[in-house]
Protein backbone atom coordinates (compact mmCIF):
# COMPACT_ATOMS: atom_id res chain seq x y z
CA MET A 1 0.00 0.00 0.00
CA PRO A 2 1.24 3.57 -0.59
CA LEU A 3 2.62 5.00 2.64
CA THR A 4 4.48 8.17 3.58
CA LEU A 5 6.24 8.94 6.87
CA ILE A 6 6.71 12.58 7.83
CA SER A 7 8.43 14.12 10.83
CA ARG A 8 8.54 17.64 12.18
CA ARG A 9 11.01 18.65 9.47
CA SER A 10 10.28 16.81 6.22
CA VAL A 11 9.21 13.61 4.57
CA VAL A 12 11.27 10.77 6.01
CA TYR A 13 10.06 7.80 4.01
CA ARG A 14 7.76 7.24 1.02
CA GLU A 15 6.39 3.99 -0.38
CA ALA A 16 4.85 4.60 -3.82
CA GLY A 17 1.66 2.93 -4.96
CA THR A 18 -1.83 3.45 -6.28
CA GLY A 19 -4.98 4.01 -4.31
CA GLU A 20 -5.45 5.85 -1.06
CA MET A 21 -2.21 7.07 0.50
CA THR A 22 -1.62 6.62 4.24
CA VAL A 23 0.54 9.27 5.91
CA LEU A 24 2.01 8.62 9.37
CA LEU A 25 3.03 11.64 11.41
CA VAL A 26 5.82 11.49 13.99
CA PRO A 27 5.71 14.93 15.65
CA GLY A 28 8.40 16.27 17.93
CA ARG A 29 7.51 16.49 21.60
CA ASP A 30 8.10 20.23 21.69
CA GLN A 31 6.07 20.66 18.53
CA ILE A 32 2.75 19.58 20.04
CA GLN A 33 0.56 22.43 21.26
CA ILE A 34 -2.33 21.84 23.64
CA VAL A 35 -5.04 24.50 23.76
CA LYS A 36 -8.65 24.66 24.72
CA ASP A 37 -11.03 23.91 21.88
CA LEU A 38 -12.15 27.49 21.31
CA ALA A 39 -14.07 28.80 18.38
CA GLY A 40 -11.87 29.56 15.40
CA LEU A 41 -9.16 27.02 16.20
CA GLY A 42 -10.82 24.31 14.18
CA LYS A 43 -10.08 25.86 10.80
CA ALA A 44 -8.35 23.52 8.41
CA ASP A 45 -6.06 26.10 6.81
CA ILE A 46 -3.73 28.62 8.44
CA PRO A 47 -1.50 31.17 6.70
CA VAL A 48 2.21 30.49 6.35
CA ARG A 49 4.65 33.38 6.15
CA GLU A 50 8.12 33.37 4.65
CA THR A 51 10.86 35.98 4.83
CA ALA A 52 11.58 37.75 1.56
CA ALA A 53 14.98 39.04 0.41
CA ASN A 54 14.29 42.53 1.80
CA GLY A 55 13.57 41.13 5.26
CA LYS A 56 9.79 41.43 5.10
CA GLN A 57 7.55 38.48 5.75
CA VAL A 58 5.27 37.62 2.88
CA GLN A 59 2.25 35.36 3.07
CA VAL A 60 2.88 32.59 0.58
CA ARG A 61 -0.10 30.24 0.80
CA LYS A 62 -2.18 28.39 3.33
CA GLN A 63 -1.27 25.00 4.74
CA ALA A 64 -3.54 22.37 6.27
CA GLN A 65 -3.43 22.22 10.03
CA LEU A 66 -2.95 18.81 11.67
CA SER A 67 -4.91 18.75 14.91
CA ARG A 68 -7.26 16.61 16.96
CA VAL A 69 -9.68 17.27 19.82
CA HIS A 70 -9.43 15.02 22.88
CA VAL A 71 -11.30 15.52 26.17
CA GLY A 72 -12.06 19.20 25.51
CA ARG A 73 -8.52 19.99 24.40
CA ARG A 74 -7.15 20.49 20.95
CA TYR A 75 -3.78 18.96 20.20
CA ILE A 76 -2.04 20.76 17.35
CA TYR A 77 0.72 18.69 15.76
CA GLY A 78 1.85 21.09 13.03
CA ASN A 79 1.10 21.70 9.38
CA LEU A 80 0.85 19.35 6.44
CA PRO A 81 3.51 19.83 3.75
CA ASN A 82 2.19 21.19 0.50
CA GLU A 83 3.57 18.29 -1.48
CA ILE A 84 1.17 16.02 0.42
CA SER A 85 -1.88 18.27 0.25
CA ASP A 86 -1.34 18.81 -3.49
CA LEU A 87 -1.60 15.13 -4.29
CA ARG A 88 -4.52 14.22 -6.47
CA GLN A 89 -5.00 10.77 -4.97
CA PRO A 90 -6.94 10.37 -1.71
CA VAL A 91 -4.85 11.05 1.43
CA LYS A 92 -5.40 10.30 5.12
CA VAL A 93 -3.00 11.52 7.81
CA TRP A 94 -2.70 9.54 11.04
CA LEU A 95 -0.46 9.54 14.07
CA ALA A 96 1.90 6.60 14.33
CA GLU A 97 0.31 5.47 17.60
CA ASP A 98 -3.13 5.29 15.91
CA TYR A 99 -2.06 1.93 14.45
CA ALA A 100 -0.93 0.48 17.78
CA PRO A 101 -3.15 -2.30 19.19
CA PRO A 102 -5.15 -1.35 22.32
CA GLN A 103 -3.28 -3.83 24.57
CA SER A 104 0.16 -2.80 23.32
CA GLN A 105 2.40 -0.69 25.60
CA ALA A 106 5.11 -0.05 23.03
CA PHE A 107 5.70 -0.59 19.31
CA PHE A 108 8.47 -0.72 16.76
CA TYR A 109 7.50 0.10 13.16
CA ILE A 110 10.26 -0.97 10.79
CA PHE A 111 9.85 0.65 7.37
CA SER A 112 13.35 -0.09 6.13
CA SER A 113 16.73 -1.06 7.50
CA THR A 114 17.38 2.57 8.37
CA VAL A 115 13.90 3.93 9.25
CA VAL A 116 12.45 2.65 12.52
CA ILE A 117 9.71 4.37 14.55
CA HIS A 118 9.52 3.63 18.26
CA GLY A 119 6.59 4.56 20.48
CA VAL A 120 5.92 4.17 24.21
CA ARG A 121 2.62 4.67 26.01
CA GLU A 122 2.84 7.08 29.02
CA GLN A 123 0.55 8.42 31.70
CA ASP A 124 0.73 12.05 32.87
CA ASP A 125 0.04 13.52 36.31
CA GLU A 126 -3.66 13.92 35.55
CA GLY A 127 -4.06 10.26 34.64
CA GLN A 128 -4.30 10.89 30.91
CA GLN A 129 -2.49 8.38 28.72
CA SER A 130 -0.45 9.60 25.80
CA TRP A 131 2.20 8.33 23.43
CA ARG A 132 5.77 9.43 23.03
CA THR A 133 7.05 8.56 19.55
CA ALA A 134 10.40 9.16 17.88
CA GLN A 135 12.53 7.93 15.03
CA LEU A 136 15.43 5.74 16.14
CA LEU A 137 18.96 6.69 15.16
CA LEU A 138 20.74 3.44 14.47
CA GLY A 139 24.51 3.19 14.87
CA ASP A 140 27.06 2.06 12.36
CA GLY A 141 27.35 -1.58 11.39
CA ASP A 142 24.78 -4.14 10.39
CA PRO A 143 21.38 -2.36 10.41
CA VAL A 144 19.48 -5.58 11.02
CA LYS A 145 21.66 -6.37 14.08
CA ASN A 146 21.16 -2.83 15.35
CA ILE A 147 17.37 -3.16 15.06
CA ILE A 148 17.40 -6.51 16.87
CA ASP A 149 19.59 -5.08 19.63
CA ALA A 150 17.27 -2.09 20.12
CA ILE A 151 14.17 -4.28 20.31
CA SER A 152 15.82 -6.84 22.63
CA ASP A 153 17.11 -4.14 24.99
CA TYR A 154 13.63 -2.67 25.41
CA ALA A 155 12.04 -6.11 25.79
CA LEU A 156 14.51 -7.14 28.53
CA ALA A 157 14.08 -3.83 30.36
CA ASN A 158 10.27 -3.99 30.21
CA SER A 159 9.50 -7.65 30.29
CA THR A 160 5.94 -7.15 31.56
CA GLU A 161 4.83 -4.82 28.78
CA THR A 162 3.21 -5.95 25.56
CA LEU A 163 5.44 -5.15 22.59
CA THR A 164 4.34 -4.88 18.94
CA VAL A 165 6.88 -5.22 16.11
CA ALA A 166 5.64 -4.57 12.57
CA VAL A 167 7.59 -4.71 9.28
CA LEU A 168 6.43 -2.95 6.10
CA ASN A 169 6.56 -5.00 2.90
CA LYS A 170 10.14 -6.22 3.35
CA LEU A 171 10.10 -9.98 3.16
CA ASP A 172 13.86 -10.53 3.53
CA LEU A 173 14.04 -8.08 6.44
CA TYR A 174 10.98 -9.71 7.98
CA GLU A 175 12.57 -13.17 7.82
CA LYS A 176 15.83 -11.97 9.34
CA LEU A 177 14.03 -10.21 12.20
CA GLN A 178 11.86 -13.25 12.78
CA VAL A 179 14.93 -15.44 13.18
CA GLY A 180 16.80 -12.90 15.33
CA LEU A 181 13.87 -12.14 17.70
CA ALA A 182 12.82 -15.72 18.17
CA THR A 183 15.32 -15.97 21.10
CA TYR A 184 13.34 -13.28 22.99
CA ASN A 185 9.94 -14.79 22.19
CA ILE A 186 9.06 -11.81 19.99
CA SER A 187 7.30 -12.49 16.70
CA PRO A 188 7.17 -9.62 14.16
CA MET A 189 4.05 -9.09 12.05
CA PRO A 190 3.33 -7.40 8.69
CA PHE A 191 2.40 -3.76 8.99
CA SER A 192 -0.53 -4.34 6.62
CA LYS A 193 -2.33 -6.23 9.42
CA LEU A 194 -2.44 -3.13 11.61
CA LYS A 195 -5.47 -0.86 11.30
CA PRO A 196 -6.36 2.47 12.93
CA GLN A 197 -8.26 2.11 16.16
CA PRO A 198 -12.04 2.41 15.92
CA GLY A 199 -13.47 5.80 16.83
CA ILE A 200 -10.30 7.72 15.91
CA LYS A 201 -10.60 10.30 13.14
CA PRO A 202 -7.68 11.15 10.87
CA LEU A 203 -5.80 14.41 11.37
CA TYR A 204 -6.38 15.34 7.76
CA ARG A 205 -8.04 13.81 4.72
CA HIS A 206 -8.93 14.69 1.20
CA ARG A 207 -10.53 12.60 -1.48
CA ASP A 208 -10.00 12.18 -5.19
CA TYR A 209 -12.84 13.98 -6.90
CA THR A 210 -11.61 13.34 -10.42
CA ILE A 211 -14.28 10.78 -11.20
CA LEU A 212 -16.93 12.98 -9.59
CA TYR A 213 -15.79 16.00 -11.61
CA LEU A 214 -15.75 13.97 -14.82
CA THR A 215 -19.21 12.66 -14.01
CA PHE A 216 -20.58 16.16 -13.46
CA ALA A 217 -18.84 17.36 -16.61
CA LEU A 218 -20.38 14.51 -18.59
CA LEU A 219 -23.80 15.20 -17.09
CA GLY A 220 -23.39 18.87 -17.94
CA LEU A 221 -22.47 18.00 -21.51
CA ILE A 222 -25.43 15.66 -21.80
CA THR A 223 -27.70 18.36 -20.35
CA VAL A 224 -26.43 20.92 -22.84
CA LEU A 225 -26.90 18.52 -25.76
CA ALA A 226 -30.34 17.52 -24.52
CA SER A 227 -31.35 21.16 -24.10
CA GLY A 228 -30.11 22.01 -27.58
CA SER A 229 -31.94 19.03 -29.06
CA TYR A 230 -35.10 19.96 -27.16
CA VAL A 231 -34.96 23.54 -28.42
CA PHE A 232 -34.28 22.39 -31.98
CA PHE A 233 -37.08 19.83 -32.12
CA THR A 234 -39.45 22.17 -30.28
CA ARG A 235 -38.91 24.82 -32.94
CA LEU A 236 -39.49 22.25 -35.67
CA GLU A 237 -42.69 21.12 -33.97
CA ARG A 238 -43.79 24.70 -33.49
CA ASP A 239 -43.20 25.48 -37.16
CA LYS A 240 -45.14 22.36 -38.11
CA LEU A 241 -48.04 23.34 -35.85
CA GLN A 242 -48.03 26.84 -37.31
CA GLU A 243 -48.27 25.38 -40.80
CA GLU A 244 -51.14 23.15 -39.68
CA VAL A 245 -52.91 26.14 -38.13
CA LYS A 246 -52.50 28.09 -41.37
CA ASP A 247 -53.81 25.14 -43.37
CA ILE A 248 -56.84 24.82 -41.07
CA GLN A 249 -57.48 28.54 -41.39
CA ARG A 250 -57.36 28.24 -45.17
CA ARG A 251 -59.80 25.34 -45.01
CA ILE A 252 -62.14 27.33 -42.78
CA GLU A 253 -62.02 30.25 -45.20
CA SER A 254 -62.69 27.86 -48.09
CA ILE A 255 -65.67 26.35 -46.24
CA LYS A 256 -67.05 29.80 -45.50
CA LEU A 257 -66.62 30.78 -49.14
CA ASN A 258 -68.32 27.59 -50.33
CA GLN A 259 -71.20 28.20 -47.94
CA SER A 260 -71.65 31.63 -49.47
CA VAL A 261 -71.17 31.05 -53.21
CA GLY A 262 -71.03 27.24 -53.42
CA GLN A 263 -68.47 25.00 -55.08
CA VAL A 264 -69.87 24.28 -58.53
CA ALA A 265 -67.61 23.65 -61.48
CA ASP A 266 -70.38 24.04 -64.11
CA PRO A 267 -73.44 25.83 -62.69
CA GLN A 268 -75.31 25.83 -66.05
CA SER A 269 -75.10 22.04 -66.24
CA VAL A 270 -76.50 21.77 -62.73
CA LEU A 271 -79.38 24.10 -63.62
CA GLN A 272 -80.17 22.15 -66.78
CA THR A 273 -80.19 18.87 -64.86
CA MET A 274 -82.48 20.33 -62.20
CA SER A 275 -84.84 21.75 -64.79
CA ARG A 276 -85.14 18.45 -66.64
CA GLY A 277 -87.73 16.27 -65.00
CA ILE A 278 -88.91 12.70 -65.43
CA ASN A 279 -92.48 12.18 -66.50
CA GLN A 280 -92.63 8.68 -65.09
CA GLN A 281 -93.03 7.58 -61.52
CA MET A 282 -89.92 6.22 -59.91
CA SER A 283 -91.73 3.10 -58.82
CA ALA A 284 -92.69 2.37 -62.44
CA ILE A 285 -89.09 2.78 -63.63
CA LEU A 286 -87.75 0.59 -60.85
CA HIS A 287 -90.45 -1.98 -61.49
CA ALA A 288 -89.52 -2.14 -65.16
CA ALA A 289 -85.82 -2.58 -64.30
CA GLY A 290 -86.62 -5.18 -61.65
CA ASP A 291 -88.80 -7.10 -64.11
CA VAL A 292 -85.86 -7.34 -66.50
CA GLY A 293 -83.55 -8.52 -63.71
CA ALA A 294 -86.07 -11.12 -62.51
CA GLN A 295 -86.14 -12.71 -65.98
CA LEU A 296 -82.32 -13.01 -66.00
CA GLY A 297 -81.70 -14.35 -62.48
CA THR A 298 -82.28 -13.94 -58.77
CA LEU A 299 -82.67 -10.24 -58.07
CA GLU A 300 -80.70 -8.66 -55.20
CA LYS A 301 -80.61 -4.88 -55.73
CA VAL A 302 -81.64 -2.24 -58.26
CA ARG A 303 -79.87 1.12 -58.54
CA LEU A 304 -81.25 3.93 -60.65
CA MET A 305 -78.49 6.10 -62.13
CA LEU A 306 -80.15 9.46 -62.64
CA GLU A 307 -77.13 11.24 -64.11
CA GLY A 308 -74.03 9.23 -64.97
CA GLY A 309 -72.03 7.70 -62.15
CA ASP A 310 -70.01 4.58 -61.54
CA TYR A 311 -71.31 1.75 -63.72
CA GLU A 312 -68.93 -0.73 -62.05
CA GLY A 313 -66.56 -0.92 -64.96
CA MET A 314 -69.13 -1.30 -67.77
CA PRO A 315 -68.78 1.07 -70.75
CA VAL A 316 -72.26 2.58 -70.63
CA ASP A 317 -72.27 5.36 -73.22
CA GLY A 318 -74.74 7.01 -75.50
CA VAL A 319 -77.59 7.59 -73.08
CA GLY A 320 -80.06 9.36 -75.30
CA GLU A 321 -82.96 11.69 -74.73
CA GLY A 322 -85.60 10.30 -72.41
CA GLN A 323 -83.49 7.26 -71.51
CA GLN A 324 -82.45 6.09 -68.07
CA VAL A 325 -79.85 3.52 -66.91
CA ALA A 326 -80.49 1.11 -64.05
CA LEU A 327 -77.91 -1.20 -62.47
CA ILE A 328 -79.28 -4.58 -61.41
CA ARG A 329 -77.28 -6.88 -59.14
CA LEU A 330 -78.15 -10.56 -59.39
CA THR A 331 -77.11 -13.10 -56.81
CA GLU A 332 -77.58 -15.98 -59.25
CA MET A 333 -78.07 -16.17 -63.00
CA ASN A 334 -80.76 -18.43 -64.45
CA LYS A 335 -78.39 -19.76 -67.07
CA GLU A 336 -74.73 -20.61 -66.54
CA LEU A 337 -73.48 -20.37 -70.14
CA LEU A 338 -72.87 -16.93 -71.57
CA LEU A 339 -74.61 -17.93 -74.79
CA ASP A 340 -77.78 -18.84 -72.90
CA GLN A 341 -77.59 -15.62 -70.89
CA GLU A 342 -77.30 -13.61 -74.12
CA LEU A 343 -80.28 -15.37 -75.65
CA ASP A 344 -82.35 -14.53 -72.56
CA ALA A 345 -81.25 -10.89 -72.74
CA THR A 346 -82.16 -10.77 -76.44
CA GLN A 347 -85.58 -12.21 -75.68
CA VAL A 348 -86.13 -9.59 -72.97
CA VAL A 349 -85.17 -6.75 -75.33
CA ALA A 350 -87.48 -8.15 -77.97
CA THR A 351 -90.46 -8.53 -75.64
CA HIS A 352 -90.03 -5.27 -73.73
CA PRO A 353 -90.17 -2.26 -76.05
CA TRP A 354 -88.97 0.15 -73.36
CA VAL A 355 -85.71 -1.78 -72.91
CA ARG A 356 -83.04 -0.41 -75.23
CA THR A 357 -79.82 -2.13 -74.16
CA ILE A 358 -78.72 -4.82 -71.69
CA MET A 359 -75.07 -5.18 -70.62
CA ARG A 360 -73.44 -7.48 -68.15
CA GLY A 361 -70.24 -6.73 -66.23
CA GLY A 362 -68.05 -8.33 -63.61
CA PRO A 363 -66.28 -11.73 -63.63
CA THR A 364 -67.83 -14.79 -65.17
CA GLY A 365 -69.80 -16.77 -62.63
CA GLU A 366 -73.21 -17.30 -61.14
CA ALA A 367 -73.61 -13.72 -59.81
CA GLY A 368 -73.36 -10.60 -61.94
CA VAL A 369 -74.23 -6.96 -62.48
CA VAL A 370 -76.51 -6.02 -65.38
CA ALA A 371 -76.92 -2.51 -66.78
CA VAL A 372 -80.31 -1.88 -68.42
CA MET A 373 -80.99 1.23 -70.52
CA LEU A 374 -84.68 2.11 -70.35
CA GLN A 375 -86.73 4.48 -72.47
CA VAL A 376 -88.61 6.35 -69.75
CA ASP A 377 -89.89 9.30 -71.79
CA GLN A 378 -90.77 10.04 -75.40
CA THR A 379 -88.37 11.96 -77.54
CA ALA A 380 -89.30 14.77 -79.90
CA ASP A 381 -89.20 12.38 -82.85
CA MET A 382 -91.60 10.02 -81.11
CA VAL A 383 -94.00 12.85 -80.36
CA ALA A 384 -93.84 14.07 -83.97
CA ALA A 385 -94.46 10.58 -85.32
CA ALA A 386 -97.39 10.06 -82.98
CA THR A 387 -99.08 13.35 -83.95
CA ALA A 388 -98.40 13.11 -87.71
CA PRO A 389 -101.59 12.68 -89.90
CA LEU A 390 -102.25 9.24 -91.34
CA PRO A 391 -101.80 8.75 -95.11
CA GLU A 392 -104.93 8.68 -97.33
CA ASN A 393 -104.33 5.12 -98.57
CA PRO A 394 -102.66 3.30 -95.73
CA PRO A 395 -101.35 -0.17 -96.36
CA GLN A 396 -103.25 -3.17 -95.13
CA GLU A 397 -100.61 -3.99 -92.50
CA LEU A 398 -99.67 -1.00 -90.43
CA ALA A 399 -96.53 -0.85 -88.47
CA PRO A 400 -97.02 -0.61 -84.72
CA THR A 401 -97.37 2.92 -83.47
CA SER A 402 -95.38 4.40 -80.67
CA SER A 403 -98.25 3.70 -78.30
CA GLU A 404 -98.30 -0.05 -79.00
CA PRO A 405 -95.74 -2.48 -77.62
CA VAL A 406 -93.45 -4.25 -80.01
CA ALA A 407 -94.25 -7.90 -80.46
CA PRO A 408 -91.50 -10.35 -79.62
CA GLN A 409 -89.70 -12.02 -82.52
CA PRO A 410 -88.27 -15.25 -81.14
CA ASP A 411 -87.75 -16.83 -84.58
CA VAL A 412 -85.33 -14.17 -85.82
CA PRO A 413 -81.84 -15.71 -85.99
CA GLN A 414 -79.54 -14.05 -83.50
CA PRO A 415 -75.89 -13.23 -84.15
CA ALA A 416 -73.20 -15.13 -82.26
CA PRO A 417 -72.35 -13.54 -78.90
CA GLU A 418 -69.12 -11.66 -78.51
CA GLN A 419 -67.45 -12.58 -75.25
CA ALA A 420 -65.79 -9.51 -73.73
CA GLU A 421 -62.69 -9.49 -71.65
CA GLY A 422 -63.24 -10.95 -68.17
CA GLY A 423 -65.97 -13.39 -69.32
CA SER A 424 -68.82 -10.82 -69.61
CA PHE A 425 -71.12 -10.34 -72.55
CA GLN A 426 -72.44 -7.13 -74.05
CA PRO A 427 -75.43 -7.91 -76.29
CA ALA A 428 -76.04 -4.41 -77.52
CA VAL A 429 -79.44 -5.34 -78.97
CA GLN A 430 -81.52 -2.30 -79.89
CA ALA A 431 -85.28 -2.25 -80.04
CA MET A 432 -87.30 -0.31 -82.52
CA PRO A 433 -86.63 3.41 -82.16
CA GLN A 434 -90.37 4.21 -82.20
CA ALA A 435 -91.24 2.10 -79.14
CA PRO A 436 -93.28 3.84 -76.49
CA ALA A 437 -91.99 4.77 -73.07
CA ILE A 438 -92.89 2.97 -69.84
CA SER A 439 -96.44 3.46 -68.80
CA ALA A 440 -96.79 5.19 -65.47
CA THR A 441 -99.78 2.98 -64.66
CA GLN A 442 -97.97 -0.36 -64.74
CA PRO A 443 -98.46 -2.47 -61.61
CA VAL A 444 -95.70 -2.74 -59.02
CA SER A 445 -94.96 -5.98 -57.26
CA VAL A 446 -93.07 -5.77 -53.96
CA THR A 447 -91.33 -8.98 -52.99
CA SER A 448 -87.78 -8.22 -51.77
CA PRO A 449 -85.97 -5.12 -50.41
CA VAL A 450 -83.78 -3.08 -52.74
CA SER A 451 -81.25 -0.45 -51.59
CA ALA A 452 -79.18 2.12 -53.45
CA THR A 453 -76.61 4.78 -52.58
CA ALA A 454 -76.05 8.24 -53.98
CA VAL A 455 -73.32 8.61 -56.61
CA GLU A 456 -71.69 11.96 -57.44
CA ALA A 457 -71.47 12.71 -61.14
CA PRO A 458 -68.33 14.34 -62.62
CA GLN A 459 -70.09 17.62 -63.37
CA ALA A 460 -73.20 17.71 -61.19
CA PRO A 461 -74.66 16.04 -58.08
CA VAL A 462 -76.66 12.89 -58.80
CA ALA A 463 -79.48 11.39 -56.82
CA THR A 464 -80.23 7.68 -56.54
CA LYS A 465 -83.47 5.92 -55.74
CA GLU A 466 -84.12 2.77 -53.71
CA ALA A 467 -86.86 0.43 -54.78
CA VAL A 468 -88.12 -3.00 -53.89
CA GLN A 469 -88.61 -5.82 -56.34
């Protein structure tokens, strides 16, 4: 262990090492001052004055005071050298007798062959026990023999006293002393086994705060970095919130503007759509569409597309004047083959004059979606043909007027169906252009619920109608 021995004048012995340094003080007898423990005497540092070249005393620096309070008295042993107090490693300063065992009356601390500390316990007139310590001055000759002679002389003169002999980290010296003192029944011991007595405080101590300082420095650095990061990310978040607030404000202004003037891309188209009415009842139109779907399969839902919309992928174009498109969803088709389904659709178009076109979309299978284009109102040409005067010599067989239904023609050979991509068919079979519109007085049969949802057209809002087939 690192150990340093100091006397009243200077450092006598030093054993280097790492860790906490132990300093043993051997004060001179005339150096010890005994005073009452008054206020102000317990300060750790006292000024030290040196004489300058001009004869004046100059205060150089403060030195640590080595003192201890015992039974209301303060024992001042001197000052700690600056070379000890300036050490970075932890330091504790003890008296040499602090390491003596409680039952020991004298001790010999052997630090080297030339440095030996001897201490004797004494009792003063007031009954107080104290120690008198000193460094032995060994004579010329063999130092080991001189040490043995000194120890044996004291042991023979004080045979009743308990003697402690300790050797510091010198194995060869320890073995020689062990052999030489065996005659006097004295067994030396390693100094490392001696410990300060319990309840005794060191004269001076200071700790190594390097790790503590580095820890605080690291914590400070982490705090600074964390604060900087917090400020940086807080500003980013604040800027983001400000942008969101501005965006919400713009949306609010847009909503207020739309509430005032509306958001219409083509107002004239909306007005034209609103002004154009349907002369047929909705129930009649839905009944006509449902009747077509019932002849093709099991009906699930009918949607009336008043103005364009999503036809579920089917290319429904060319909706003419007075015509309306209805989407029919079937859970099951009556016929499985596409050819049979097309023949049924052709038969429906032939037997229902108000049906203009039937299209099927979606994948090939039992279920499907059918788009039916219905003639729900008469066009201008139909009205003109109906009101035109009859010829003077009409032929014997008159063609059916616009007010009569077109008779079915089942024997007409039908063209081969064209199978579209995805397995759907599109029998674009057209009825006679002069067929009448759906009668508003047709009966309505309610058998199953039908639902529909509103669909927004590209240029104008569109309404949808739910019906029951």
